[in-house]
N, C-alpha and C. Protein backbone atom coordinates (compact mmCIF):
# COMPACT_ATOMS: atom_id res chain seq x y z
N UNK A 1 -28.32 -18.09 -65.18
CA UNK A 1 -27.81 -17.45 -65.97
C UNK A 1 -28.84 -15.90 -65.78
N UNK A 2 -26.80 -15.64 -66.07
CA UNK A 2 -26.94 -14.32 -65.83
C UNK A 2 -27.31 -13.08 -66.96
N UNK A 3 -28.25 -12.26 -65.83
CA UNK A 3 -28.76 -11.50 -66.91
C UNK A 3 -27.09 -9.85 -66.68
N UNK A 4 -27.19 -9.25 -67.88
CA UNK A 4 -26.57 -8.38 -68.73
C UNK A 4 -26.07 -7.92 -68.27
N UNK A 5 -27.04 -7.00 -66.79
CA UNK A 5 -26.68 -6.03 -66.10
C UNK A 5 -25.59 -6.17 -65.10
N UNK A 6 -25.41 -7.93 -64.99
CA UNK A 6 -24.72 -8.34 -63.83
C UNK A 6 -23.35 -7.75 -63.68
N UNK A 7 -23.07 -7.45 -65.24
CA UNK A 7 -21.70 -7.04 -65.02
C UNK A 7 -21.39 -5.62 -64.43
N UNK A 8 -22.39 -4.91 -64.20
CA UNK A 8 -22.42 -3.85 -63.68
C UNK A 8 -22.08 -3.68 -61.94
N UNK A 9 -22.81 -4.47 -61.37
CA UNK A 9 -22.34 -5.34 -60.04
C UNK A 9 -20.73 -6.01 -60.16
N UNK A 10 -20.80 -6.60 -60.74
CA UNK A 10 -18.64 -6.93 -60.83
C UNK A 10 -17.91 -5.78 -61.03
N UNK A 11 -18.29 -4.56 -61.89
CA UNK A 11 -17.09 -3.24 -61.78
C UNK A 11 -17.28 -2.73 -61.08
N UNK A 12 -18.63 -2.98 -60.42
CA UNK A 12 -18.92 -1.05 -58.65
C UNK A 12 -17.95 -1.87 -57.90
N UNK A 13 -18.01 -3.62 -58.10
CA UNK A 13 -17.50 -4.63 -56.81
C UNK A 13 -15.85 -3.83 -57.08
N UNK A 14 -15.04 -4.18 -58.22
CA UNK A 14 -13.64 -4.36 -58.85
C UNK A 14 -12.95 -2.85 -58.05
N UNK A 15 -14.22 -1.67 -59.14
CA UNK A 15 -14.04 -0.81 -58.64
C UNK A 15 -13.43 -0.11 -57.27
N UNK A 16 -14.28 -0.51 -56.15
CA UNK A 16 -14.28 0.10 -54.89
C UNK A 16 -13.21 -0.07 -54.02
N UNK A 17 -13.23 -1.88 -54.67
CA UNK A 17 -11.31 -2.25 -54.16
C UNK A 17 -10.04 -1.84 -54.67
N UNK A 18 -10.41 -1.48 -56.08
CA UNK A 18 -9.27 -0.65 -56.27
C UNK A 18 -8.97 0.76 -55.48
N UNK A 19 -10.24 1.48 -55.31
CA UNK A 19 -10.07 2.71 -54.77
C UNK A 19 -9.65 2.50 -53.26
N UNK A 20 -9.82 1.55 -52.75
CA UNK A 20 -9.55 0.71 -51.09
C UNK A 20 -8.10 0.84 -51.31
N UNK A 21 -7.73 -0.01 -51.75
CA UNK A 21 -6.33 -0.39 -52.11
C UNK A 21 -5.41 0.65 -52.69
N UNK A 22 -5.70 1.72 -52.92
CA UNK A 22 -5.33 3.25 -53.25
C UNK A 22 -5.26 4.22 -52.71
N UNK A 23 -6.76 4.05 -51.54
CA UNK A 23 -6.66 4.48 -50.01
C UNK A 23 -7.79 4.01 -48.99
N UNK A 24 -7.46 3.66 -48.08
CA UNK A 24 -7.74 2.65 -47.36
C UNK A 24 -9.46 3.50 -46.65
N UNK A 25 -8.94 5.38 -47.14
CA UNK A 25 -10.04 6.00 -46.30
C UNK A 25 -11.01 6.51 -47.26
N UNK A 26 -10.63 5.66 -48.68
CA UNK A 26 -11.59 7.29 -49.72
C UNK A 26 -12.95 7.24 -49.56
N UNK A 27 -13.30 5.95 -49.35
CA UNK A 27 -15.13 5.82 -48.95
C UNK A 27 -15.20 6.65 -47.93
N UNK A 28 -14.92 6.50 -46.62
CA UNK A 28 -15.45 7.31 -45.02
C UNK A 28 -14.91 8.98 -45.56
N UNK A 29 -13.51 8.62 -45.86
CA UNK A 29 -14.02 10.38 -46.21
C UNK A 29 -14.83 11.49 -47.31
N UNK A 30 -15.18 10.22 -48.32
CA UNK A 30 -16.43 11.06 -49.13
C UNK A 30 -17.78 10.69 -48.67
N UNK A 31 -17.24 10.43 -48.02
CA UNK A 31 -18.37 10.45 -47.06
C UNK A 31 -19.16 11.17 -45.59
N UNK A 32 -17.53 11.73 -45.86
CA UNK A 32 -18.34 13.45 -45.26
C UNK A 32 -18.82 14.27 -45.74
N UNK A 33 -19.11 14.24 -46.66
CA UNK A 33 -19.21 15.37 -47.87
C UNK A 33 -19.08 15.84 -48.70
N UNK A 34 -19.44 16.87 -49.41
CA UNK A 34 -18.90 17.72 -51.05
C UNK A 34 -18.96 19.16 -50.18
N UNK A 35 -17.52 19.60 -51.40
CA UNK A 35 -18.01 20.84 -51.22
C UNK A 35 -17.16 20.43 -52.85
N UNK A 36 -17.74 20.46 -53.97
CA UNK A 36 -17.32 20.91 -55.58
C UNK A 36 -17.29 22.91 -55.61
N UNK A 37 -16.36 22.45 -56.43
CA UNK A 37 -16.55 23.88 -57.41
C UNK A 37 -17.35 24.19 -58.16
N UNK A 38 -17.84 23.02 -59.30
CA UNK A 38 -17.59 23.43 -59.82
C UNK A 38 -19.39 22.67 -60.24
N UNK A 39 -21.03 23.31 -61.38
CA UNK A 39 -21.59 22.90 -61.35
C UNK A 39 -21.49 22.35 -62.76
N UNK A 40 -21.88 21.20 -63.82
CA UNK A 40 -21.25 20.31 -65.09
C UNK A 40 -22.95 20.46 -65.61
N UNK A 41 -23.31 21.07 -66.19
CA UNK A 41 -25.04 20.87 -66.97
C UNK A 41 -24.13 20.23 -68.63
N UNK A 42 -24.00 18.80 -68.76
CA UNK A 42 -24.48 18.70 -69.66
C UNK A 42 -25.07 17.67 -70.36
N UNK A 43 -25.38 16.98 -71.51
CA UNK A 43 -25.83 16.22 -72.36
C UNK A 43 -25.81 14.83 -71.30
N UNK A 44 -26.91 14.34 -71.78
CA UNK A 44 -27.41 13.18 -71.11
C UNK A 44 -26.43 12.12 -71.45
N UNK A 45 -26.41 12.05 -73.34
CA UNK A 45 -25.39 11.43 -74.25
C UNK A 45 -24.16 10.07 -72.82
N UNK A 46 -24.24 8.95 -73.13
CA UNK A 46 -23.49 8.49 -72.37
C UNK A 46 -22.53 8.40 -73.53
N UNK A 47 -21.37 9.40 -73.86
CA UNK A 47 -20.24 9.03 -74.23
C UNK A 47 -19.96 10.36 -74.13
N UNK A 48 -20.30 11.08 -72.70
CA UNK A 48 -19.46 12.49 -72.25
C UNK A 48 -19.74 12.49 -70.86
N UNK A 49 -19.23 10.95 -70.16
CA UNK A 49 -19.27 11.77 -68.51
C UNK A 49 -18.66 12.89 -67.74
N UNK A 50 -18.28 13.31 -66.82
CA UNK A 50 -18.24 14.91 -66.76
C UNK A 50 -16.91 14.79 -65.77
N UNK A 51 -17.01 13.62 -64.91
CA UNK A 51 -15.79 13.14 -64.16
C UNK A 51 -14.93 12.36 -65.29
N UNK A 52 -14.82 12.13 -66.08
CA UNK A 52 -14.24 11.07 -67.05
C UNK A 52 -13.67 12.31 -68.02
N UNK A 53 -14.03 12.53 -68.48
CA UNK A 53 -13.15 12.92 -69.70
C UNK A 53 -12.83 14.84 -69.11
N UNK A 54 -12.97 14.50 -67.79
CA UNK A 54 -12.23 16.11 -67.31
C UNK A 54 -11.28 15.93 -66.44
N UNK A 55 -11.02 14.84 -66.51
CA UNK A 55 -9.75 13.88 -65.08
C UNK A 55 -9.98 14.35 -63.58
N UNK A 56 -11.32 14.89 -63.40
CA UNK A 56 -12.44 15.38 -61.69
C UNK A 56 -11.94 13.71 -60.74
N UNK A 57 -12.30 14.09 -60.09
CA UNK A 57 -12.11 13.30 -58.85
C UNK A 57 -14.05 12.76 -58.07
N UNK A 58 -14.40 12.05 -58.01
CA UNK A 58 -15.47 11.98 -57.36
C UNK A 58 -15.63 13.61 -56.14
N UNK A 59 -16.86 14.06 -56.09
CA UNK A 59 -16.71 15.19 -55.03
C UNK A 59 -16.78 16.07 -55.28
N UNK A 60 -15.97 16.72 -56.72
CA UNK A 60 -15.09 17.84 -57.79
C UNK A 60 -16.51 18.34 -58.39
N UNK A 61 -17.05 17.57 -58.78
CA UNK A 61 -17.75 18.29 -59.82
C UNK A 61 -19.54 17.56 -59.81
N UNK A 62 -20.48 18.56 -59.04
CA UNK A 62 -21.74 18.73 -59.06
C UNK A 62 -22.18 17.99 -60.27
N UNK A 63 -23.37 17.43 -60.92
CA UNK A 63 -23.77 17.74 -62.38
C UNK A 63 -25.26 17.42 -63.09
N UNK A 64 -25.61 17.97 -63.25
CA UNK A 64 -26.70 18.22 -63.48
C UNK A 64 -26.60 17.61 -65.78
N UNK A 65 -27.40 16.41 -65.35
CA UNK A 65 -27.22 16.09 -67.83
C UNK A 65 -29.10 16.02 -67.60
N UNK A 66 -29.48 16.16 -69.19
CA UNK A 66 -30.82 16.67 -70.30
C UNK A 66 -29.81 16.52 -71.49
N UNK A 67 -30.96 16.38 -72.35
CA UNK A 67 -30.77 16.15 -73.65
C UNK A 67 -30.66 16.80 -74.47
N UNK A 68 -29.00 17.08 -74.77
CA UNK A 68 -28.91 18.67 -75.25
C UNK A 68 -28.32 19.39 -74.09
N UNK A 69 -27.80 19.07 -73.28
CA UNK A 69 -27.81 20.96 -71.93
C UNK A 69 -28.63 21.33 -71.95
N UNK A 70 -29.90 21.86 -72.05
CA UNK A 70 -30.27 22.49 -72.80
C UNK A 70 -30.71 23.52 -71.13
N UNK A 71 -30.81 24.91 -70.33
CA UNK A 71 -31.14 25.48 -69.28
C UNK A 71 -32.68 25.95 -69.88
N UNK A 72 -33.64 25.88 -69.60
CA UNK A 72 -35.21 25.38 -70.01
C UNK A 72 -36.04 26.71 -68.10
N UNK A 73 -36.28 27.58 -68.11
CA UNK A 73 -36.55 28.32 -66.74
C UNK A 73 -37.99 27.45 -66.45
N UNK A 74 -38.54 26.51 -66.90
CA UNK A 74 -39.63 26.39 -66.82
C UNK A 74 -39.67 24.70 -65.28
N UNK A 75 -38.07 24.34 -65.83
CA UNK A 75 -37.01 22.85 -65.25
C UNK A 75 -36.90 23.37 -63.86
N UNK A 76 -38.08 22.88 -63.35
CA UNK A 76 -37.73 22.84 -61.53
C UNK A 76 -36.72 21.39 -61.38
N UNK A 77 -36.17 21.08 -62.08
CA UNK A 77 -35.51 19.81 -62.07
C UNK A 77 -33.70 20.07 -62.23
N UNK A 78 -33.65 21.33 -62.91
CA UNK A 78 -32.29 22.37 -63.27
C UNK A 78 -32.61 23.45 -62.47
N UNK A 79 -33.07 23.04 -62.56
CA UNK A 79 -33.43 25.26 -61.10
C UNK A 79 -33.17 24.81 -59.74
N UNK A 80 -33.56 23.24 -59.48
CA UNK A 80 -33.10 22.74 -57.90
C UNK A 80 -31.82 22.74 -58.00
N UNK A 81 -31.09 22.06 -59.18
CA UNK A 81 -30.07 21.61 -59.04
C UNK A 81 -28.97 23.02 -58.94
N UNK A 82 -29.53 24.21 -59.80
CA UNK A 82 -28.32 25.43 -59.78
C UNK A 82 -28.79 26.03 -58.77
N UNK A 83 -29.67 25.99 -58.54
CA UNK A 83 -30.75 26.93 -56.30
C UNK A 83 -28.78 26.33 -55.43
N UNK A 84 -29.07 24.78 -55.22
CA UNK A 84 -28.89 24.62 -54.41
C UNK A 84 -27.36 24.26 -54.46
N UNK A 85 -26.26 24.35 -55.81
CA UNK A 85 -25.03 24.27 -56.21
C UNK A 85 -24.72 26.05 -55.94
N UNK A 86 -25.59 26.62 -56.37
CA UNK A 86 -25.41 27.83 -56.18
C UNK A 86 -25.32 28.49 -55.03
N UNK A 87 -25.89 28.61 -53.78
CA UNK A 87 -26.69 29.19 -52.39
C UNK A 87 -25.95 27.78 -51.79
N UNK A 88 -26.34 26.67 -51.95
CA UNK A 88 -25.61 25.76 -50.48
C UNK A 88 -24.00 25.27 -50.68
N UNK A 89 -23.62 24.42 -52.00
CA UNK A 89 -22.20 24.12 -51.83
C UNK A 89 -21.37 25.66 -52.40
N UNK A 90 -22.19 26.90 -52.51
CA UNK A 90 -21.44 27.91 -53.24
C UNK A 90 -20.25 27.52 -54.17
N UNK A 91 -20.34 26.97 -55.59
CA UNK A 91 -19.76 26.30 -56.21
C UNK A 91 -19.24 27.95 -57.14
N UNK A 92 -18.25 27.70 -57.52
CA UNK A 92 -17.16 29.53 -58.24
C UNK A 92 -17.83 29.48 -59.59
N UNK A 93 -17.93 27.88 -60.19
CA UNK A 93 -18.46 27.95 -61.47
C UNK A 93 -19.41 26.95 -61.87
N UNK A 94 -20.16 27.82 -63.39
CA UNK A 94 -21.10 26.65 -63.75
C UNK A 94 -20.59 27.25 -65.13
N UNK A 95 -20.58 25.39 -65.51
CA UNK A 95 -20.59 25.14 -67.00
C UNK A 95 -21.92 25.04 -67.74
N UNK A 96 -21.30 25.28 -68.93
CA UNK A 96 -22.37 24.43 -69.44
C UNK A 96 -21.67 23.97 -70.76
N UNK A 97 -21.70 22.23 -71.19
CA UNK A 97 -21.15 22.05 -71.65
C UNK A 97 -22.27 20.64 -72.66
N UNK A 98 -21.21 21.27 -74.36
CA UNK A 98 -22.23 20.47 -75.24
C UNK A 98 -21.67 19.73 -75.63
N UNK A 99 -21.64 18.81 -77.07
CA UNK A 99 -20.53 18.21 -77.63
C UNK A 99 -20.76 17.52 -79.08
N UNK A 100 -20.14 17.71 -79.44
CA UNK A 100 -20.04 17.82 -81.08
C UNK A 100 -20.76 16.42 -81.24
N UNK A 101 -21.83 15.47 -82.54
CA UNK A 101 -22.51 15.38 -82.41
C UNK A 101 -23.90 14.60 -81.69
N UNK A 102 -23.86 15.42 -81.64
CA UNK A 102 -25.23 15.77 -80.25
C UNK A 102 -26.22 15.02 -80.94
N UNK A 103 -27.47 13.92 -80.50
CA UNK A 103 -28.53 13.65 -80.95
C UNK A 103 -29.46 14.48 -80.87
N UNK A 104 -29.56 15.15 -79.69
CA UNK A 104 -30.51 16.08 -79.50
C UNK A 104 -30.54 17.40 -80.30
N UNK A 105 -28.93 17.92 -80.67
CA UNK A 105 -28.85 19.09 -81.80
C UNK A 105 -30.44 18.39 -83.22
N UNK A 106 -29.06 17.04 -83.77
CA UNK A 106 -29.26 16.75 -85.00
C UNK A 106 -31.10 16.40 -84.77
N UNK A 107 -31.59 15.92 -84.40
CA UNK A 107 -32.88 15.71 -84.75
C UNK A 107 -33.87 16.95 -84.24
N UNK A 108 -32.96 18.18 -83.84
CA UNK A 108 -34.05 19.35 -84.21
C UNK A 108 -33.70 20.20 -85.50
N UNK A 109 -32.36 19.83 -85.66
CA UNK A 109 -32.56 19.97 -87.19
C UNK A 109 -33.77 19.76 -87.90
N UNK A 110 -33.84 18.62 -88.07
CA UNK A 110 -34.79 17.40 -88.56
C UNK A 110 -36.31 17.43 -88.20
N UNK A 111 -37.22 17.30 -89.33
CA UNK A 111 -39.06 17.79 -89.37
C UNK A 111 -39.63 16.70 -89.10
N UNK A 112 -38.69 15.29 -88.57
CA UNK A 112 -39.10 14.46 -88.12
C UNK A 112 -39.67 14.32 -86.35
N UNK A 113 -41.12 13.03 -86.60
CA UNK A 113 -41.73 13.75 -85.55
C UNK A 113 -40.75 12.84 -84.69
N UNK A 114 -40.58 12.71 -83.57
CA UNK A 114 -39.33 11.76 -81.73
C UNK A 114 -41.57 12.39 -81.30
N UNK A 115 -42.24 11.78 -81.46
CA UNK A 115 -43.45 11.81 -80.57
C UNK A 115 -42.70 12.55 -78.89
N UNK A 116 -43.37 12.97 -77.07
CA UNK A 116 -42.75 13.25 -76.70
C UNK A 116 -41.66 14.45 -76.42
N UNK A 117 -40.76 13.33 -77.69
CA UNK A 117 -39.00 14.42 -77.01
C UNK A 117 -39.47 15.31 -77.92
N UNK A 118 -40.35 16.29 -78.93
CA UNK A 118 -40.61 16.82 -79.06
C UNK A 118 -40.67 18.43 -78.97
N UNK A 119 -41.23 18.19 -77.64
CA UNK A 119 -41.45 19.05 -76.70
C UNK A 119 -39.47 19.65 -76.35
N UNK A 120 -39.36 18.67 -75.72
CA UNK A 120 -38.24 18.66 -75.14
C UNK A 120 -37.00 19.74 -76.48
N UNK A 121 -37.25 19.35 -77.59
CA UNK A 121 -36.29 19.94 -78.75
C UNK A 121 -36.93 21.27 -79.18
N UNK A 122 -38.21 21.52 -79.40
CA UNK A 122 -38.57 22.52 -79.24
C UNK A 122 -37.64 23.28 -79.52
N UNK A 123 -37.17 24.06 -77.96
CA UNK A 123 -35.81 25.26 -77.49
C UNK A 123 -34.88 24.90 -78.15
N UNK A 124 -34.52 23.63 -78.57
CA UNK A 124 -33.01 23.70 -79.67
C UNK A 124 -33.39 25.06 -80.85
N UNK A 125 -34.72 23.59 -81.54
CA UNK A 125 -35.59 24.55 -82.72
C UNK A 125 -35.42 26.16 -82.19
N UNK A 126 -35.87 26.69 -81.45
CA UNK A 126 -35.30 27.94 -80.75
C UNK A 126 -34.82 28.74 -81.32
N UNK A 127 -33.19 28.47 -81.01
CA UNK A 127 -31.86 28.58 -80.95
C UNK A 127 -31.75 28.70 -82.39
N UNK A 128 -32.04 27.38 -83.35
CA UNK A 128 -32.25 27.08 -84.43
C UNK A 128 -33.05 28.24 -85.87
N UNK A 129 -34.14 28.51 -85.33
CA UNK A 129 -34.91 29.62 -85.68
C UNK A 129 -33.55 31.18 -85.03
N UNK A 130 -33.27 31.21 -84.51
CA UNK A 130 -32.76 32.75 -83.90
C UNK A 130 -31.41 33.37 -85.78
N UNK A 131 -31.04 31.81 -85.04
CA UNK A 131 -29.74 32.29 -85.75
C UNK A 131 -29.79 31.48 -87.15
N UNK A 132 -31.19 31.36 -87.51
CA UNK A 132 -31.00 30.97 -89.05
C UNK A 132 -30.39 31.21 -90.10
N UNK A 133 -30.14 32.57 -89.92
CA UNK A 133 -29.63 33.41 -91.19
C UNK A 133 -28.04 32.98 -91.27
N UNK A 134 -27.20 32.83 -89.67
CA UNK A 134 -26.03 32.17 -89.93
C UNK A 134 -25.92 30.64 -90.78
N UNK A 135 -27.36 29.97 -89.78
CA UNK A 135 -27.14 28.15 -90.23
C UNK A 135 -28.00 28.34 -91.59
N UNK A 136 -28.42 28.61 -92.06
CA UNK A 136 -28.68 28.52 -93.75
C UNK A 136 -27.15 28.74 -94.35
N UNK A 137 -26.68 29.26 -93.99
CA UNK A 137 -25.71 30.13 -94.80
C UNK A 137 -24.72 28.82 -94.98
N UNK A 138 -24.22 27.84 -94.14
CA UNK A 138 -23.92 26.89 -94.27
C UNK A 138 -24.22 25.65 -95.09
N UNK A 139 -23.63 25.55 -95.43
CA UNK A 139 -23.74 24.71 -96.09
C UNK A 139 -23.57 22.88 -96.48
N UNK A 140 -22.84 22.64 -95.71
CA UNK A 140 -22.65 21.64 -95.63
C UNK A 140 -22.50 20.58 -93.83
N UNK A 141 -24.25 20.07 -93.34
CA UNK A 141 -24.79 19.27 -92.81
C UNK A 141 -23.67 19.71 -92.30
N UNK A 142 -22.50 18.98 -91.63
CA UNK A 142 -21.65 18.70 -90.71
C UNK A 142 -21.37 19.77 -90.39
N UNK A 143 -20.62 20.62 -90.68
CA UNK A 143 -20.96 21.91 -90.22
C UNK A 143 -21.42 22.72 -90.28
N UNK A 144 -22.89 22.78 -90.16
CA UNK A 144 -23.45 23.11 -89.53
C UNK A 144 -23.98 22.69 -88.48
N UNK A 145 -23.79 21.45 -88.57
CA UNK A 145 -25.13 19.83 -87.09
C UNK A 145 -23.56 21.54 -85.57
N UNK A 146 -22.34 20.66 -85.66
CA UNK A 146 -21.59 21.23 -85.30
C UNK A 146 -21.72 23.44 -84.75
N UNK A 147 -22.63 24.02 -85.82
CA UNK A 147 -22.24 25.19 -85.60
C UNK A 147 -23.73 25.70 -83.95
N UNK A 148 -24.42 24.75 -85.01
CA UNK A 148 -25.49 24.54 -84.01
C UNK A 148 -25.27 24.42 -82.56
N UNK A 149 -24.54 22.95 -82.29
CA UNK A 149 -24.16 23.27 -81.48
C UNK A 149 -23.72 24.63 -80.19
N UNK A 150 -22.85 24.01 -81.13
CA UNK A 150 -21.85 25.83 -80.58
C UNK A 150 -23.05 27.09 -79.80
N UNK A 151 -23.98 26.95 -80.54
CA UNK A 151 -25.25 28.24 -80.91
C UNK A 151 -26.00 28.08 -79.43
N UNK A 152 -26.10 26.62 -79.39
CA UNK A 152 -26.60 25.97 -78.22
C UNK A 152 -26.17 26.31 -76.96
N UNK A 153 -25.30 26.27 -76.89
CA UNK A 153 -24.30 26.43 -75.38
C UNK A 153 -24.29 27.69 -75.27
N UNK A 154 -24.20 28.51 -76.74
CA UNK A 154 -23.98 29.85 -76.14
C UNK A 154 -25.53 30.26 -75.48
N UNK A 155 -26.51 30.16 -76.11
CA UNK A 155 -27.57 30.14 -75.98
C UNK A 155 -28.49 29.97 -74.62
N UNK A 156 -28.01 28.68 -74.16
CA UNK A 156 -28.36 28.43 -72.60
C UNK A 156 -26.56 29.19 -71.53
N UNK A 157 -25.93 29.18 -72.15
CA UNK A 157 -25.00 30.38 -70.83
C UNK A 157 -25.95 31.71 -70.86
N UNK A 158 -26.52 32.38 -71.42
CA UNK A 158 -27.45 33.41 -71.85
C UNK A 158 -28.74 33.35 -70.36
N UNK A 159 -29.47 32.43 -70.71
CA UNK A 159 -30.65 31.44 -70.26
C UNK A 159 -30.14 31.25 -68.51
N UNK A 160 -29.04 30.52 -68.58
CA UNK A 160 -28.15 30.10 -67.43
C UNK A 160 -28.79 32.19 -66.73
N UNK A 161 -27.61 32.88 -67.30
CA UNK A 161 -27.95 34.19 -67.02
C UNK A 161 -28.40 35.24 -67.01
N UNK A 162 -30.16 34.97 -67.41
CA UNK A 162 -30.94 35.13 -67.47
C UNK A 162 -32.18 35.28 -65.89
N UNK A 163 -31.19 34.25 -64.69
CA UNK A 163 -31.32 33.56 -63.56
C UNK A 163 -31.70 34.51 -62.63
N UNK A 164 -32.26 34.41 -61.46
CA UNK A 164 -32.31 35.31 -60.12
C UNK A 164 -30.74 34.74 -59.45
N UNK A 165 -30.96 33.04 -60.12
CA UNK A 165 -30.22 32.41 -59.09
C UNK A 165 -28.93 32.74 -58.92
N UNK A 166 -28.81 32.95 -60.55
CA UNK A 166 -27.16 33.48 -60.50
C UNK A 166 -26.82 35.01 -60.41
N UNK A 167 -27.96 35.61 -61.11
CA UNK A 167 -28.14 37.44 -60.36
C UNK A 167 -27.24 37.28 -59.24
N UNK A 168 -27.92 36.64 -58.20
CA UNK A 168 -27.85 36.72 -56.87
C UNK A 168 -26.59 36.67 -56.85
N UNK A 169 -25.76 35.11 -56.85
CA UNK A 169 -24.68 35.24 -56.89
C UNK A 169 -23.58 35.75 -57.58
N UNK A 170 -23.84 36.86 -59.00
CA UNK A 170 -23.11 37.61 -59.02
C UNK A 170 -22.49 39.06 -58.62
N UNK A 171 -23.96 39.48 -57.57
CA UNK A 171 -23.99 40.38 -56.43
C UNK A 171 -22.65 40.01 -56.58
N UNK A 172 -23.09 39.30 -55.46
CA UNK A 172 -22.49 38.76 -54.59
C UNK A 172 -19.61 38.32 -55.58
N UNK A 173 -20.18 38.46 -56.55
CA UNK A 173 -19.19 38.12 -56.98
C UNK A 173 -18.24 37.24 -56.67
N UNK A 174 -18.94 35.64 -56.76
CA UNK A 174 -19.05 34.67 -56.64
C UNK A 174 -19.23 33.83 -57.36
N UNK A 175 -18.79 34.05 -58.91
CA UNK A 175 -19.83 33.19 -59.38
C UNK A 175 -19.02 33.29 -60.82
N UNK A 176 -18.84 32.21 -61.97
CA UNK A 176 -18.69 32.12 -63.55
C UNK A 176 -19.15 31.21 -64.06
N UNK A 177 -19.71 32.04 -65.33
CA UNK A 177 -19.83 31.14 -66.14
C UNK A 177 -19.78 30.85 -67.02
N UNK A 178 -19.25 29.39 -68.06
CA UNK A 178 -18.52 29.33 -68.43
C UNK A 178 -19.66 27.91 -69.98
N UNK A 179 -19.09 28.34 -70.94
CA UNK A 179 -19.75 27.61 -72.04
C UNK A 179 -18.80 26.46 -72.67
N UNK A 180 -18.91 25.39 -73.31
CA UNK A 180 -17.78 24.68 -73.21
C UNK A 180 -18.38 23.35 -74.95
N UNK A 181 -17.80 22.51 -75.27
CA UNK A 181 -18.02 21.87 -75.84
C UNK A 181 -17.13 20.64 -77.02
N UNK A 182 -17.41 19.51 -75.71
CA UNK A 182 -17.00 18.21 -75.76
C UNK A 182 -16.62 17.79 -77.46
N UNK A 183 -15.44 17.60 -77.55
CA UNK A 183 -15.65 16.54 -79.39
C UNK A 183 -15.23 15.32 -79.26
N UNK A 184 -16.22 14.83 -79.66
CA UNK A 184 -15.92 13.23 -78.95
C UNK A 184 -15.42 12.63 -80.03
N UNK A 185 -14.87 13.19 -81.35
CA UNK A 185 -13.41 12.45 -82.10
C UNK A 185 -12.72 13.04 -81.97
N UNK A 186 -11.84 13.48 -80.97
CA UNK A 186 -10.41 14.59 -80.31
C UNK A 186 -10.67 13.96 -79.10
N UNK A 187 -11.36 14.41 -77.99
CA UNK A 187 -11.37 13.95 -76.36
C UNK A 187 -11.05 15.27 -76.07
N UNK A 188 -11.31 16.55 -76.45
CA UNK A 188 -10.75 17.31 -76.19
C UNK A 188 -12.13 18.79 -75.39
N UNK A 189 -11.88 19.01 -74.46
CA UNK A 189 -12.63 19.82 -74.74
C UNK A 189 -12.97 21.48 -75.27
N UNK A 190 -13.86 22.36 -75.92
CA UNK A 190 -13.42 23.23 -76.81
C UNK A 190 -14.22 24.41 -75.68
N UNK A 191 -13.71 25.81 -75.64
CA UNK A 191 -13.84 27.31 -74.20
C UNK A 191 -14.54 28.03 -75.83
N UNK A 192 -16.07 27.88 -74.81
CA UNK A 192 -16.94 28.75 -76.35
C UNK A 192 -15.73 30.83 -76.32
N UNK A 193 -15.54 30.64 -74.97
CA UNK A 193 -15.49 31.84 -74.25
C UNK A 193 -16.25 33.10 -74.67
N UNK A 194 -17.64 32.28 -74.14
CA UNK A 194 -18.88 32.94 -74.07
C UNK A 194 -18.20 34.20 -73.45
N UNK A 195 -19.34 35.25 -73.69
CA UNK A 195 -19.10 36.61 -72.54
C UNK A 195 -19.61 36.89 -71.84
N UNK A 196 -20.26 36.53 -71.16
CA UNK A 196 -21.75 37.09 -69.71
C UNK A 196 -20.88 36.55 -68.41
N UNK A 197 -20.58 37.75 -67.75
CA UNK A 197 -20.11 37.22 -66.66
C UNK A 197 -20.56 38.50 -65.33
N UNK A 198 -21.12 38.81 -65.71
CA UNK A 198 -21.63 40.40 -65.05
C UNK A 198 -23.11 40.59 -65.47
N UNK A 199 -23.83 41.03 -64.65
CA UNK A 199 -25.82 41.94 -65.13
C UNK A 199 -25.15 42.35 -66.15
N UNK A 200 -24.56 43.23 -66.03
CA UNK A 200 -24.33 44.50 -67.60
C UNK A 200 -24.59 44.00 -68.28
N UNK A 201 -23.45 42.55 -69.00
CA UNK A 201 -24.28 42.08 -70.25
C UNK A 201 -24.64 41.49 -70.90
N UNK A 202 -26.10 42.00 -69.70
CA UNK A 202 -27.50 41.53 -70.19
C UNK A 202 -28.43 42.56 -70.63
N UNK A 203 -29.37 42.11 -71.40
CA UNK A 203 -30.00 43.08 -72.16
C UNK A 203 -30.47 43.53 -70.19
N UNK A 204 -32.02 44.80 -70.35
CA UNK A 204 -31.97 45.37 -69.63
C UNK A 204 -32.97 44.96 -68.92
N UNK A 205 -33.90 44.40 -69.72
CA UNK A 205 -35.38 43.59 -69.40
C UNK A 205 -35.17 42.61 -68.60
N UNK A 206 -34.20 41.92 -68.88
CA UNK A 206 -33.30 40.85 -67.89
C UNK A 206 -32.87 41.12 -66.31
N UNK A 207 -33.31 41.66 -66.31
CA UNK A 207 -31.99 41.72 -65.06
C UNK A 207 -32.98 42.57 -64.26
N UNK A 208 -32.39 41.48 -62.99
CA UNK A 208 -33.57 41.97 -61.83
C UNK A 208 -32.93 42.85 -60.58
N UNK A 209 -33.28 43.87 -60.31
CA UNK A 209 -33.06 44.71 -58.76
C UNK A 209 -32.89 43.85 -57.82
N UNK A 210 -31.95 43.84 -58.09
CA UNK A 210 -31.40 42.70 -56.40
C UNK A 210 -30.92 43.29 -55.09
């Protein structure tokens, strides 16, 4: 009896065969290393695959994903990825990409007990609290959700800017940070045009003397 996951192996074999048919040296070249220009910090949602929605190839985007694309300064996983991407791979762009209909954002808007995940969702609840005046004035629940998705991305871009890693790269003039939102219902990415491009854009208390 075949297990449900057997189709993943079959899919892998088909994909590998197709790649080799297109380019016999595809995997040989890929195994030599990576030099991506982009770090993608996105949501873990299975409907938002970075490579697929941006039409990029393997090796072009370095990816970190977590629930609701949150940048937490105590998250050593994210910070390690960020450090490696910026200091070793020398990416030129860091993209925080949220998506409308995000389950993490929706869960954070309610008072439902989500067990251990409560600890993670608290980060998004704090974004809501910070912008509660604007959000509470939006009567339509779906529109309020969409706006919180956007505000969450903006907040995470600012959190990135507060790290020494990003500020050090800015000092070299070698990095841009972006805030985007993906629409599940349209397949299109929206640039939020978050203007945090240099240390001068930060409140003085968050600027390191580098």
